Protein backbone atom coordinates (compact mmCIF):
# COMPACT_ATOMS: atom_id res chain seq x y z
CA MET A 1 67.66 -100.58 -111.62
CA LYS A 2 69.74 -98.70 -109.03
CA ARG A 3 70.32 -95.90 -111.50
CA LYS A 4 66.55 -95.67 -112.10
CA LEU A 5 65.77 -95.53 -108.40
CA PHE A 6 68.46 -92.90 -107.95
CA GLY A 7 66.86 -90.81 -110.66
CA VAL A 8 63.45 -91.07 -109.02
CA ALA A 9 64.95 -90.02 -105.67
CA VAL A 10 66.66 -87.07 -107.21
CA ALA A 11 63.45 -86.03 -108.92
CA THR A 12 61.51 -86.37 -105.67
CA LEU A 13 64.03 -84.23 -103.80
CA PHE A 14 63.87 -81.63 -106.54
CA VAL A 15 60.05 -81.44 -106.39
CA PHE A 16 60.17 -81.30 -102.55
CA GLY A 17 62.72 -78.52 -102.73
CA LEU A 18 60.43 -76.53 -104.99
CA THR A 19 57.36 -77.16 -102.76
CA LEU A 20 58.95 -76.36 -99.37
CA PRO A 21 59.37 -72.63 -99.92
CA ALA A 22 55.78 -72.35 -101.09
CA LEU A 23 54.57 -74.13 -97.94
CA ALA A 24 56.74 -71.89 -95.78
CA GLY A 25 55.33 -68.83 -97.52
CA ASP A 26 51.77 -70.00 -96.96
CA ALA A 27 52.48 -70.57 -93.27
CA ALA A 28 53.98 -67.09 -92.93
CA GLN A 29 50.96 -65.53 -94.64
CA ASP A 30 48.61 -67.44 -92.35
CA ALA A 31 50.53 -66.17 -89.34
CA ALA A 32 50.40 -62.62 -90.64
CA ASP A 33 46.66 -62.89 -91.27
CA ALA A 34 46.11 -64.23 -87.76
CA ALA A 35 48.17 -61.41 -86.24
CA GLU A 36 46.23 -58.79 -88.26
CA SER A 37 42.93 -60.33 -87.17
CA ALA A 38 44.04 -60.33 -83.54
CA GLY A 39 45.15 -56.71 -83.83
CA HIS A 40 41.84 -55.72 -85.37
CA ALA A 41 39.99 -57.46 -82.55
CA VAL A 42 42.12 -55.69 -79.94
CA LYS A 43 41.53 -52.34 -81.66
CA LYS A 44 37.77 -52.93 -81.78
CA GLY A 45 37.80 -53.94 -78.10
CA ALA A 46 39.75 -50.82 -77.15
CA GLU A 47 37.40 -48.59 -79.14
CA ALA A 48 34.38 -50.25 -77.57
CA THR A 49 35.87 -49.87 -74.08
CA GLY A 50 36.78 -46.22 -74.72
CA SER A 51 33.29 -45.51 -76.01
CA ALA A 52 31.74 -47.15 -72.96
CA ILE A 53 33.99 -45.16 -70.61
CA LYS A 54 33.17 -41.91 -72.42
CA SER A 55 29.45 -42.66 -72.31
CA GLY A 56 29.66 -43.52 -68.63
CA ALA A 57 31.59 -40.34 -67.86
CA GLU A 58 29.12 -38.20 -69.82
CA TYR A 59 26.18 -39.88 -68.07
CA THR A 60 27.80 -39.45 -64.65
CA GLY A 61 28.63 -35.80 -65.41
CA HIS A 62 25.05 -35.20 -66.53
CA LYS A 63 23.69 -36.73 -63.32
CA VAL A 64 26.12 -34.71 -61.17
CA LYS A 65 25.04 -31.53 -62.99
CA GLN A 66 21.39 -32.43 -62.51
CA GLY A 67 22.00 -33.12 -58.83
CA ALA A 68 23.84 -29.84 -58.33
CA GLU A 69 21.06 -27.92 -60.07
CA ALA A 70 18.45 -29.69 -57.95
CA VAL A 71 20.32 -28.90 -54.71
CA GLY A 72 20.79 -25.28 -55.78
CA HIS A 73 17.08 -25.00 -56.56
CA VAL A 74 16.14 -26.44 -53.17
CA VAL A 75 18.53 -24.08 -51.33
CA LYS A 76 17.23 -21.05 -53.26
CA LYS A 77 13.62 -22.08 -52.65
CA GLY A 78 14.35 -22.64 -48.96
CA ALA A 79 15.95 -19.21 -48.63
CA ILE A 80 12.97 -17.56 -50.32
CA GLU A 81 10.49 -19.45 -48.13
CA THR A 82 12.48 -18.60 -44.99
CA GLY A 83 12.43 -14.93 -45.89
CA GLU A 84 8.71 -15.06 -46.56
CA ALA A 85 8.08 -16.89 -43.27
CA LEU A 86 9.93 -14.13 -41.40
CA GLY A 87 7.98 -11.47 -43.26
CA LEU A 88 11.09 -10.15 -44.99
CA THR A 89 11.17 -8.85 -48.53
CA ALA A 90 14.19 -9.29 -50.78
CA GLN A 91 15.08 -5.65 -50.08
CA ASP A 92 14.79 -6.17 -46.33
CA GLU A 93 17.15 -9.13 -46.57
CA ALA A 94 19.66 -6.96 -48.45
CA TYR A 95 19.45 -4.38 -45.65
CA GLU A 96 19.86 -7.13 -43.04
CA ARG A 97 23.10 -8.29 -44.70
CA ASN A 98 24.52 -4.77 -44.59
CA GLU A 99 23.17 -3.80 -41.19
CA MET A 100 25.31 -1.54 -38.98
CA GLY A 101 25.16 0.37 -35.70
CA GLU A 102 22.65 -1.94 -34.03
CA HIS A 103 22.04 -1.04 -30.39
CA ARG A 104 19.31 -0.95 -27.76
CA MET A 105 18.06 1.95 -25.63
CA SER A 106 15.44 2.30 -22.91
CA GLY A 107 13.17 5.27 -22.33
CA LYS A 108 9.70 6.64 -21.67
CA ILE A 109 7.03 7.37 -24.27
CA THR A 110 6.24 11.11 -24.38
CA ASN A 111 3.84 11.19 -27.33
CA ILE A 112 1.96 8.81 -29.64
CA ASP A 113 0.43 9.53 -33.04
CA SER A 114 -1.67 6.39 -33.56
CA LYS A 115 -2.80 7.50 -37.04
CA LEU A 116 0.76 7.45 -38.41
CA GLY A 117 2.28 5.03 -35.89
CA ILE A 118 4.72 7.69 -34.67
CA VAL A 119 6.10 7.28 -31.15
CA SER A 120 8.26 9.89 -29.38
CA ILE A 121 10.53 8.52 -26.65
CA HIS A 122 12.75 10.26 -24.12
CA THR A 123 16.04 8.36 -23.51
CA GLU A 124 19.23 9.24 -21.67
CA GLU A 125 21.14 9.31 -24.99
CA ALA A 126 18.78 11.56 -26.99
CA PRO A 127 15.08 12.16 -27.67
CA LEU A 128 13.77 9.78 -30.30
CA LYS A 129 10.98 10.04 -32.83
CA LEU A 130 10.25 6.66 -34.38
CA GLN A 131 7.57 5.21 -36.64
CA PHE A 132 6.03 1.76 -36.42
CA PRO A 133 3.19 -0.08 -38.21
CA LYS A 134 -0.01 1.52 -36.89
CA ASP A 135 -1.51 -1.70 -35.53
CA THR A 136 1.58 -2.29 -33.36
CA VAL A 137 1.24 0.94 -31.34
CA ALA A 138 -2.44 0.53 -30.44
CA ASP A 139 -1.64 -0.86 -26.97
CA LEU A 140 1.05 1.71 -26.13
CA ARG A 141 0.40 4.72 -23.89
CA GLU A 142 2.21 7.89 -22.90
CA GLY A 143 4.48 7.50 -19.88
CA GLN A 144 5.08 3.81 -20.63
CA GLU A 145 8.62 2.46 -20.27
CA VAL A 146 9.86 0.80 -23.45
CA ALA A 147 13.03 -0.53 -25.02
CA VAL A 148 13.87 0.13 -28.66
CA GLN A 149 16.44 -1.43 -30.92
CA LEU A 150 17.80 0.45 -33.91
CA ALA A 151 20.11 -0.33 -36.80
CA PHE A 152 20.73 1.18 -40.22
CA ALA A 153 22.01 0.24 -43.68
CA PRO A 154 22.99 2.39 -46.66
CA THR A 155 20.55 1.96 -49.55
CA THR A 156 23.20 2.48 -52.28
CA GLY A 157 26.97 2.28 -52.72
CA GLN A 158 27.37 -0.33 -50.00
CA LYS A 159 30.73 -2.10 -50.12
CA GLU A 160 30.65 -5.89 -49.99
CA THR A 161 33.02 -5.86 -47.00
CA GLN A 162 30.50 -4.02 -44.83
CA ARG A 163 28.37 -6.90 -43.63
CA ALA A 164 26.18 -7.55 -40.64
CA TYR A 165 28.98 -9.46 -38.95
CA ASP A 166 31.10 -6.28 -38.95
CA ASN A 167 28.61 -5.00 -36.38
CA PRO A 168 27.36 -8.10 -34.54
CA LYS A 169 23.60 -8.34 -34.31
CA THR A 170 21.94 -9.07 -30.97
CA GLU A 171 19.23 -11.67 -30.49
CA MET A 172 15.76 -10.51 -31.50
CA ASN A 173 12.22 -11.60 -30.61
CA LYS A 174 12.96 -13.27 -27.28
CA GLU A 175 13.57 -12.27 -23.69
CA ASN A 176 17.24 -11.42 -24.11
CA GLU A 177 17.34 -8.64 -21.51
CA LYS A 178 16.02 -8.90 -17.99
CA GLY A 179 12.75 -6.99 -17.60
CA HIS A 180 12.11 -6.68 -21.35
CA GLU A 181 9.62 -8.61 -23.42
CA GLY A 182 10.70 -9.90 -26.80
CA LEU A 183 11.20 -7.15 -29.35
CA LYS A 184 8.39 -6.80 -31.89
CA ALA A 185 7.23 -4.57 -34.73
CA GLU A 186 10.60 -5.00 -36.42
CA HIS A 187 10.58 -3.19 -39.76
CA TRP A 188 12.64 -1.01 -42.11
CA VAL A 189 12.01 2.64 -43.03
CA THR A 190 13.93 4.44 -45.78
CA GLY A 191 14.61 8.15 -46.10
CA LYS A 192 17.16 10.92 -46.55
CA ILE A 193 19.38 12.39 -43.83
CA THR A 194 18.48 16.07 -43.37
CA GLU A 195 20.55 16.81 -40.24
CA ILE A 196 23.43 14.96 -38.61
CA ASP A 197 25.57 15.46 -35.50
CA HIS A 198 28.47 13.02 -35.70
CA ALA A 199 29.74 13.87 -32.21
CA LYS A 200 26.41 13.03 -30.53
CA GLY A 201 25.49 10.18 -32.88
CA VAL A 202 22.21 11.86 -33.83
CA PHE A 203 20.61 12.37 -37.24
CA HIS A 204 17.20 13.23 -38.66
CA LEU A 205 15.71 11.08 -41.39
CA GLU A 206 13.10 12.49 -43.74
CA THR A 207 10.64 9.79 -44.84
CA ALA A 208 7.50 9.89 -46.98
CA GLU A 209 5.32 10.66 -43.94
CA THR A 210 7.45 12.40 -41.33
CA THR A 211 10.95 13.22 -40.10
CA LEU A 212 12.42 10.71 -37.65
CA HIS A 213 14.87 11.58 -34.87
CA LEU A 214 17.45 8.81 -34.40
CA HIS A 215 20.44 8.02 -32.24
CA PHE A 216 23.34 5.62 -32.87
CA PRO A 217 26.79 5.07 -31.39
CA PRO A 218 28.82 8.01 -32.78
CA SER A 219 31.51 5.74 -34.22
CA SER A 220 28.94 3.85 -36.31
CA ILE A 221 27.69 6.94 -38.21
CA ARG A 222 31.05 8.67 -38.83
CA HIS A 223 30.83 7.82 -42.56
CA LEU A 224 27.26 9.09 -43.01
CA GLU A 225 26.59 12.48 -44.58
CA LYS A 226 23.76 14.95 -44.90
CA GLY A 227 21.66 14.19 -47.98
CA GLN A 228 22.57 10.49 -47.94
CA LYS A 229 19.79 7.92 -48.27
CA VAL A 230 19.68 5.16 -45.67
CA ALA A 231 17.33 2.48 -44.38
CA VAL A 232 16.68 2.28 -40.63
CA GLU A 233 15.46 -0.80 -38.78
CA MET A 234 13.31 -0.31 -35.68
CA ALA A 235 11.92 -2.72 -33.11
CA LEU A 236 10.07 -2.10 -29.87
CA ALA A 237 9.53 -3.87 -26.53
CA THR A 238 7.66 -2.95 -23.37
CA THR A 239 9.30 -3.35 -19.97
CA ALA A 240 7.99 -5.32 -17.04
CA LYS A 241 7.77 -2.31 -14.72
CA SER A 242 5.64 -0.36 -17.21
CA LYS A 243 2.72 -2.78 -16.84
């Protein structure tokens, strides 16, 4: 009986010994499968997160670009509307940016051609012959005391470093000098220099309708030459004592 029980025990141990490795192998496989599943889930989560981040960045970048374009459009539109409100053309604005030699002189009107808007003025610096829009000279008369403001800008070959701030511009269109009304009839006239005296700061400008006689600080026209094309800005104001 003991021998029989011993045989059964031995047989049981033998079967258990054969089964244990199989169970251990199954457990290891299950663990491996679980790890692989977890890794796959992590990978999918990372890919989903990366995709969301990329989409968010692209959306944000698109909105930033749209915003920048919108701001740029508003600024450009505002600049155009400002220029139009001031009565300036795109070409006038280009001249304004490159304006040089701006100065003011006082003198007495010696002759008026109302048909062409030409006004001759005697000043201490030099005799002037200027041209204004015809409707702006209708109220002027010979012998009247006036103040004029002049500036010029090359029409071609202007270097980017030569800007209006190289020759500071004075205030326009307000009472900025005692006894003078605000300057008006501000406009640009283009032409070709036919005569120039660098020492006196005088040059003649041939335009489509006449030849203007102009004066500027000598140092401001030292680089100008005969035959050169320039644009000249003119503005006019009457004086209190001329009324």
